[in-house]
PDB file of N, CA and C in Angstrom:
ATOM      1  N   MET A   1       6.938  62.816 -60.089  1.00  0.00           N
ATOM      2  CA  MET A   1       6.615  62.006 -61.059  1.00  0.00           C
ATOM      3  C   MET A   1       7.123  60.672 -62.079  1.00  0.00           C
ATOM      4  N   GLY A   2       7.320  60.006 -60.744  1.00  0.00           N
ATOM      5  CA  GLY A   2       8.583  59.253 -61.766  1.00  0.00           C
ATOM      6  C   GLY A   2       7.679  57.996 -61.189  1.00  0.00           C
ATOM      7  N   SER A   3       7.504  58.266 -59.296  1.00  0.00           N
ATOM      8  CA  SER A   3       6.902  57.389 -58.464  1.00  0.00           C
ATOM      9  C   SER A   3       5.449  56.878 -58.921  1.00  0.00           C
ATOM     10  N   ILE A   4       4.656  57.917 -60.003  1.00  0.00           N
ATOM     11  CA  ILE A   4       3.757  57.739 -60.471  1.00  0.00           C
ATOM     12  C   ILE A   4       3.241  56.567 -61.575  1.00  0.00           C
ATOM     13  N   ARG A   5       4.219  57.381 -61.859  1.00  0.00           N
ATOM     14  CA  ARG A   5       4.387  56.366 -63.219  1.00  0.00           C
ATOM     15  C   ARG A   5       4.680  55.312 -63.008  1.00  0.00           C
ATOM     16  N   ARG A   6       5.868  54.444 -62.048  1.00  0.00           N
ATOM     17  CA  ARG A   6       6.607  53.499 -62.313  1.00  0.00           C
ATOM     18  C   ARG A   6       5.462  52.350 -60.865  1.00  0.00           C
ATOM     19  N   VAL A   7       3.991  53.518 -60.371  1.00  0.00           N
ATOM     20  CA  VAL A   7       2.972  52.857 -60.093  1.00  0.00           C
ATOM     21  C   VAL A   7       1.952  52.141 -61.245  1.00  0.00           C
ATOM     22  N   CYS A   8       1.697  53.350 -61.569  1.00  0.00           N
ATOM     23  CA  CYS A   8       0.472  53.675 -63.186  1.00  0.00           C
ATOM     24  C   CYS A   8       1.036  52.898 -63.926  1.00  0.00           C
ATOM     25  N   ARG A   9       2.011  52.147 -64.310  1.00  0.00           N
ATOM     26  CA  ARG A   9       3.079  50.934 -65.964  1.00  0.00           C
ATOM     27  C   ARG A   9       2.365  49.885 -65.481  1.00  0.00           C
ATOM     28  N   ASN A  10       1.300  49.931 -64.676  1.00  0.00           N
ATOM     29  CA  ASN A  10       0.437  48.740 -64.533  1.00  0.00           C
ATOM     30  C   ASN A  10      -0.691  48.142 -65.512  1.00  0.00           C
ATOM     31  N   VAL A  11      -1.296  49.590 -65.326  1.00  0.00           N
ATOM     32  CA  VAL A  11      -2.673  49.359 -65.743  1.00  0.00           C
ATOM     33  C   VAL A  11      -2.289  49.176 -67.248  1.00  0.00           C
ATOM     34  N   ARG A  12      -2.507  48.174 -68.128  1.00  0.00           N
ATOM     35  CA  ARG A  12      -2.860  48.138 -69.500  1.00  0.00           C
ATOM     36  C   ARG A  12      -4.721  47.915 -70.236  1.00  0.00           C
ATOM     37  N   HIS A  13      -5.525  48.131 -70.022  1.00  0.00           N
ATOM     38  CA  HIS A  13      -6.638  48.995 -69.903  1.00  0.00           C
ATOM     39  C   HIS A  13      -7.643  49.900 -69.176  1.00  0.00           C
ATOM     40  N   TRP A  14      -7.461  51.263 -69.516  1.00  0.00           N
ATOM     41  CA  TRP A  14      -7.427  52.839 -68.947  1.00  0.00           C
ATOM     42  C   TRP A  14      -9.646  52.258 -68.824  1.00  0.00           C
ATOM     43  N   ARG A  15     -10.306  52.046 -67.918  1.00  0.00           N
ATOM     44  CA  ARG A  15     -11.395  51.759 -68.022  1.00  0.00           C
ATOM     45  C   ARG A  15     -12.519  53.215 -68.098  1.00  0.00           C
ATOM     46  N   ASP A  16     -12.102  54.041 -67.046  1.00  0.00           N
ATOM     47  CA  ASP A  16     -13.073  54.722 -67.160  1.00  0.00           C
ATOM     48  C   ASP A  16     -12.166  56.033 -66.190  1.00  0.00           C
ATOM     49  N   ALA A  17     -12.495  57.500 -65.853  1.00  0.00           N
ATOM     50  CA  ALA A  17     -12.153  58.322 -65.578  1.00  0.00           C
ATOM     51  C   ALA A  17     -11.987  58.153 -64.142  1.00  0.00           C
ATOM     52  N   ALA A  18     -12.536  56.776 -63.609  1.00  0.00           N
ATOM     53  CA  ALA A  18     -12.654  57.125 -61.596  1.00  0.00           C
ATOM     54  C   ALA A  18     -11.401  56.159 -61.992  1.00  0.00           C
ATOM     55  N   MET A  19     -11.238  55.538 -62.565  1.00  0.00           N
ATOM     56  CA  MET A  19     -10.093  54.037 -62.714  1.00  0.00           C
ATOM     57  C   MET A  19      -8.683  55.220 -62.456  1.00  0.00           C
ATOM     58  N   ALA A  20      -8.939  56.084 -63.644  1.00  0.00           N
ATOM     59  CA  ALA A  20      -7.641  56.823 -62.911  1.00  0.00           C
ATOM     60  C   ALA A  20      -7.386  57.622 -61.632  1.00  0.00           C
ATOM     61  N   LEU A  21      -8.245  57.850 -61.491  1.00  0.00           N
ATOM     62  CA  LEU A  21      -7.969  58.915 -60.113  1.00  0.00           C
ATOM     63  C   LEU A  21      -7.376  57.898 -59.241  1.00  0.00           C
ATOM     64  N   ARG A  22      -8.063  56.620 -59.110  1.00  0.00           N
ATOM     65  CA  ARG A  22      -8.610  56.063 -58.153  1.00  0.00           C
ATOM     66  C   ARG A  22      -6.025  55.646 -58.503  1.00  0.00           C
ATOM     67  N   TRP A  23      -5.846  54.816 -59.418  1.00  0.00           N
ATOM     68  CA  TRP A  23      -4.020  55.054 -59.564  1.00  0.00           C
ATOM     69  C   TRP A  23      -3.666  56.350 -59.125  1.00  0.00           C
ATOM     70  N   THR A  24      -4.546  56.662 -59.712  1.00  0.00           N
ATOM     71  CA  THR A  24      -3.260  57.784 -59.418  1.00  0.00           C
ATOM     72  C   THR A  24      -3.320  58.165 -58.271  1.00  0.00           C
ATOM     73  N   GLY A  25      -4.385  58.246 -57.742  1.00  0.00           N
ATOM     74  CA  GLY A  25      -4.208  58.608 -56.266  1.00  0.00           C
ATOM     75  C   GLY A  25      -2.727  57.904 -55.358  1.00  0.00           C
ATOM     76  N   ALA A  26      -4.135  56.145 -55.813  1.00  0.00           N
ATOM     77  CA  ALA A  26      -2.812  55.999 -55.012  1.00  0.00           C
ATOM     78  C   ALA A  26      -1.283  55.764 -54.881  1.00  0.00           C
ATOM     79  N   ALA A  27      -1.382  56.206 -56.267  1.00  0.00           N
ATOM     80  CA  ALA A  27       0.815  56.494 -56.393  1.00  0.00           C
ATOM     81  C   ALA A  27       0.767  57.632 -56.063  1.00  0.00           C
ATOM     82  N   MET A  28      -0.147  58.597 -55.310  1.00  0.00           N
ATOM     83  CA  MET A  28       0.235  59.906 -55.089  1.00  0.00           C
ATOM     84  C   MET A  28       0.668  59.495 -53.638  1.00  0.00           C
ATOM     85  N   LEU A  29      -0.335  58.189 -52.843  1.00  0.00           N
ATOM     86  CA  LEU A  29       0.579  58.369 -51.361  1.00  0.00           C
ATOM     87  C   LEU A  29       1.081  57.613 -51.385  1.00  0.00           C
ATOM     88  N   GLU A  30       1.984  56.531 -52.610  1.00  0.00           N
ATOM     89  CA  GLU A  30       3.342  55.829 -52.404  1.00  0.00           C
ATOM     90  C   GLU A  30       4.466  56.658 -52.333  1.00  0.00           C
ATOM     91  N   ALA A  31       4.144  58.184 -53.748  1.00  0.00           N
ATOM     92  CA  ALA A  31       5.522  58.401 -53.565  1.00  0.00           C
ATOM     93  C   ALA A  31       5.515  59.535 -52.268  1.00  0.00           C
ATOM     94  N   ALA A  32       4.040  59.990 -51.846  1.00  0.00           N
ATOM     95  CA  ALA A  32       4.546  61.368 -50.423  1.00  0.00           C
ATOM     96  C   ALA A  32       5.130  60.025 -49.161  1.00  0.00           C
ATOM     97  N   LYS A  33       5.821  58.592 -49.266  1.00  0.00           N
ATOM     98  CA  LYS A  33       6.280  58.829 -47.874  1.00  0.00           C
ATOM     99  C   LYS A  33       8.639  58.004 -48.686  1.00  0.00           C
ATOM    100  N   GLY A  34       8.124  59.014 -49.887  1.00  0.00           N
ATOM    101  CA  GLY A  34       9.134  59.485 -50.097  1.00  0.00           C
ATOM    102  C   GLY A  34      10.387  61.064 -50.064  1.00  0.00           C
ATOM    103  N   PHE A  35       8.693  62.202 -50.346  1.00  0.00           N
ATOM    104  CA  PHE A  35       8.958  63.212 -50.068  1.00  0.00           C
ATOM    105  C   PHE A  35       9.607  63.698 -48.040  1.00  0.00           C
ATOM    106  N   ARG A  36      10.639  64.881 -48.098  1.00  0.00           N
ATOM    107  CA  ARG A  36      11.514  65.095 -47.208  1.00  0.00           C
ATOM    108  C   ARG A  36      11.411  66.039 -47.049  1.00  0.00           C
ATOM    109  N   ARG A  37      11.807  66.330 -46.114  1.00  0.00           N
ATOM    110  CA  ARG A  37      11.494  67.991 -45.510  1.00  0.00           C
ATOM    111  C   ARG A  37      12.012  68.835 -46.046  1.00  0.00           C
ATOM    112  N   LEU A  38      11.838  70.544 -46.373  1.00  0.00           N
ATOM    113  CA  LEU A  38      12.318  71.214 -46.973  1.00  0.00           C
ATOM    114  C   LEU A  38      14.087  71.410 -45.658  1.00  0.00           C
ATOM    115  N   LYS A  39      14.611  71.624 -46.382  1.00  0.00           N
ATOM    116  CA  LYS A  39      15.524  71.763 -44.986  1.00  0.00           C
ATOM    117  C   LYS A  39      15.451  73.681 -44.437  1.00  0.00           C
ATOM    118  N   ALA A  40      15.726  74.484 -45.660  1.00  0.00           N
ATOM    119  CA  ALA A  40      14.950  75.633 -44.700  1.00  0.00           C
ATOM    120  C   ALA A  40      13.641  76.366 -44.664  1.00  0.00           C
ATOM    121  N   HIS A  41      12.329  75.330 -43.968  1.00  0.00           N
ATOM    122  CA  HIS A  41      11.355  74.968 -43.659  1.00  0.00           C
ATOM    123  C   HIS A  41      11.600  75.864 -42.527  1.00  0.00           C
ATOM    124  N   MET A  42      11.927  76.538 -41.695  1.00  0.00           N
ATOM    125  CA  MET A  42      11.525  77.906 -40.230  1.00  0.00           C
ATOM    126  C   MET A  42      11.995  78.681 -40.941  1.00  0.00           C
ATOM    127  N   GLN A  43      12.098  78.762 -42.244  1.00  0.00           N
ATOM    128  CA  GLN A  43      12.716  80.080 -42.245  1.00  0.00           C
ATOM    129  C   GLN A  43      11.502  80.657 -43.855  1.00  0.00           C
ATOM    130  N   LEU A  44      11.382  79.882 -44.053  1.00  0.00           N
ATOM    131  CA  LEU A  44       9.676  80.150 -45.234  1.00  0.00           C
ATOM    132  C   LEU A  44       8.674  81.386 -44.341  1.00  0.00           C
ATOM    133  N   PRO A  45       8.814  81.258 -43.130  1.00  0.00           N
ATOM    134  CA  PRO A  45       8.125  82.829 -43.050  1.00  0.00           C
ATOM    135  C   PRO A  45       8.633  84.093 -43.052  1.00  0.00           C
ATOM    136  N   VAL A  46      10.124  83.942 -43.273  1.00  0.00           N
ATOM    137  CA  VAL A  46      10.722  85.097 -43.007  1.00  0.00           C
ATOM    138  C   VAL A  46      10.412  85.549 -44.403  1.00  0.00           C
ATOM    139  N   LEU A  47      10.511  84.798 -45.801  1.00  0.00           N
ATOM    140  CA  LEU A  47      10.779  84.413 -46.509  1.00  0.00           C
ATOM    141  C   LEU A  47       9.448  85.045 -47.336  1.00  0.00           C
ATOM    142  N   ARG A  48       8.533  84.715 -46.676  1.00  0.00           N
ATOM    143  CA  ARG A  48       6.488  84.801 -47.121  1.00  0.00           C
ATOM    144  C   ARG A  48       6.776  86.766 -46.421  1.00  0.00           C
ATOM    145  N   GLU A  49       7.390  87.448 -45.802  1.00  0.00           N
ATOM    146  CA  GLU A  49       7.070  88.667 -45.449  1.00  0.00           C
ATOM    147  C   GLU A  49       8.451  89.832 -45.985  1.00  0.00           C
ATOM    148  N   ALA A  50       9.622  88.965 -46.371  1.00  0.00           N
ATOM    149  CA  ALA A  50       9.765  89.889 -47.618  1.00  0.00           C
ATOM    150  C   ALA A  50       8.980  89.289 -48.838  1.00  0.00           C
ATOM    151  N   LEU A  51       9.098  89.111 -49.540  1.00  0.00           N
ATOM    152  CA  LEU A  51       7.977  88.758 -50.509  1.00  0.00           C
ATOM    153  C   LEU A  51       6.757  90.135 -50.506  1.00  0.00           C
ATOM    154  N   ALA A  52       6.034  89.855 -49.316  1.00  0.00           N
ATOM    155  CA  ALA A  52       5.612  90.655 -49.424  1.00  0.00           C
ATOM    156  C   ALA A  52       6.060  92.422 -49.190  1.00  0.00           C
ATOM    157  N   ALA A  53       6.892  92.201 -48.447  1.00  0.00           N
ATOM    158  CA  ALA A  53       6.977  93.264 -48.826  1.00  0.00           C
ATOM    159  C   ALA A  53       7.562  94.884 -50.000  1.00  0.00           C
ATOM    160  N   LEU A  54       8.463  93.152 -50.372  1.00  0.00           N
ATOM    161  CA  LEU A  54       8.509  93.481 -52.491  1.00  0.00           C
ATOM    162  C   LEU A  54       7.729  93.978 -52.214  1.00  0.00           C
ATOM    163  N   GLN A  55       6.605  93.109 -52.224  1.00  0.00           N
ATOM    164  CA  GLN A  55       5.119  93.649 -53.958  1.00  0.00           C
ATOM    165  C   GLN A  55       4.557  94.450 -53.247  1.00  0.00           C
ATOM    166  N   GLU A  56       4.806  95.000 -51.736  1.00  0.00           N
ATOM    167  CA  GLU A  56       4.324  95.879 -51.542  1.00  0.00           C
ATOM    168  C   GLU A  56       4.387  97.555 -51.955  1.00  0.00           C
ATOM    169  N   GLN A  57       6.701  97.753 -51.797  1.00  0.00           N
ATOM    170  CA  GLN A  57       7.222  98.444 -52.227  1.00  0.00           C
ATOM    171  C   GLN A  57       6.542  98.297 -54.187  1.00  0.00           C
ATOM    172  N   ASN A  58       7.050  97.359 -55.105  1.00  0.00           N
ATOM    173  CA  ASN A  58       6.602  98.194 -55.943  1.00  0.00           C
ATOM    174  C   ASN A  58       5.138  98.315 -56.758  1.00  0.00           C
ATOM    175  N   ALA A  59       4.363  97.679 -55.952  1.00  0.00           N
ATOM    176  CA  ALA A  59       3.577  98.309 -56.229  1.00  0.00           C
ATOM    177  C   ALA A  59       2.918  99.779 -56.487  1.00  0.00           C
ATOM    178  N   SER A  60       3.831 100.317 -54.788  1.00  0.00           N
ATOM    179  CA  SER A  60       3.809 101.928 -54.779  1.00  0.00           C
ATOM    180  C   SER A  60       4.841 102.213 -55.415  1.00  0.00           C
ATOM    181  N   ASN A  61       5.379 101.423 -55.646  1.00  0.00           N
ATOM    182  CA  ASN A  61       6.610 103.105 -57.577  1.00  0.00           C
ATOM    183  C   ASN A  61       5.865 102.347 -58.432  1.00  0.00           C
ATOM    184  N   THR A  62       5.049 101.206 -58.878  1.00  0.00           N
ATOM    185  CA  THR A  62       3.941 101.036 -59.568  1.00  0.00           C
ATOM    186  C   THR A  62       2.610 102.818 -60.139  1.00  0.00           C
ATOM    187  N   ALA A  63       2.387 102.203 -58.621  1.00  0.00           N
ATOM    188  CA  ALA A  63       1.552 103.538 -58.712  1.00  0.00           C
ATOM    189  C   ALA A  63       1.578 104.940 -58.834  1.00  0.00           C
ATOM    190  N   LEU A  64       2.581 105.080 -58.207  1.00  0.00           N
ATOM    191  CA  LEU A  64       3.557 106.857 -58.042  1.00  0.00           C
ATOM    192  C   LEU A  64       3.917 107.194 -59.744  1.00  0.00           C
ATOM    193  N   ALA A  65       3.885 105.429 -60.338  1.00  0.00           N
ATOM    194  CA  ALA A  65       4.653 106.842 -61.737  1.00  0.00           C
ATOM    195  C   ALA A  65       3.738 106.904 -62.882  1.00  0.00           C
ATOM    196  N   SER A  66       2.664 105.306 -62.308  1.00  0.00           N
ATOM    197  CA  SER A  66       1.811 105.890 -63.321  1.00  0.00           C
ATOM    198  C   SER A  66       0.925 107.182 -63.094  1.00  0.00           C
ATOM    199  N   ASN A  67       1.224 108.272 -61.992  1.00  0.00           N
ATOM    200  CA  ASN A  67       0.632 108.986 -61.416  1.00  0.00           C
ATOM    201  C   ASN A  67       1.031 110.294 -61.346  1.00  0.00           C
ATOM    202  N   THR A  68       2.291 110.034 -62.328  1.00  0.00           N
ATOM    203  CA  THR A  68       3.291 110.595 -62.717  1.00  0.00           C
ATOM    204  C   THR A  68       3.365 111.603 -63.912  1.00  0.00           C
ATOM    205  N   LYS A  69       3.269 109.953 -65.262  1.00  0.00           N
ATOM    206  CA  LYS A  69       2.302 109.334 -66.045  1.00  0.00           C
ATOM    207  C   LYS A  69       1.242 110.712 -66.464  1.00  0.00           C
ATOM    208  N   ALA A  70      -0.039 110.143 -65.096  1.00  0.00           N
ATOM    209  CA  ALA A  70      -0.984 111.450 -65.734  1.00  0.00           C
ATOM    210  C   ALA A  70      -0.483 113.072 -64.955  1.00  0.00           C
ATOM    211  N   ALA A  71       0.103 112.889 -64.503  1.00  0.00           N
ATOM    212  CA  ALA A  71       0.565 114.306 -64.498  1.00  0.00           C
ATOM    213  C   ALA A  71       1.195 115.219 -66.336  1.00  0.00           C
TER     214      ALA A  71
END
């Protein structure tokens, strides 16, 4: 957001929404130059699988708890 602020501070009078979008887009392109890849990007699929398994486990526990209360 700092890069966007730095690029857009040059505008003194915003004419319309299209102008704001154009300048924001240009600022995002400028900010993208400074983005770095996550150091652990290779481990993201493993994290995704672990989170999905945990979510599935919690969903089944919730279903069992609601069935127990109903009985």
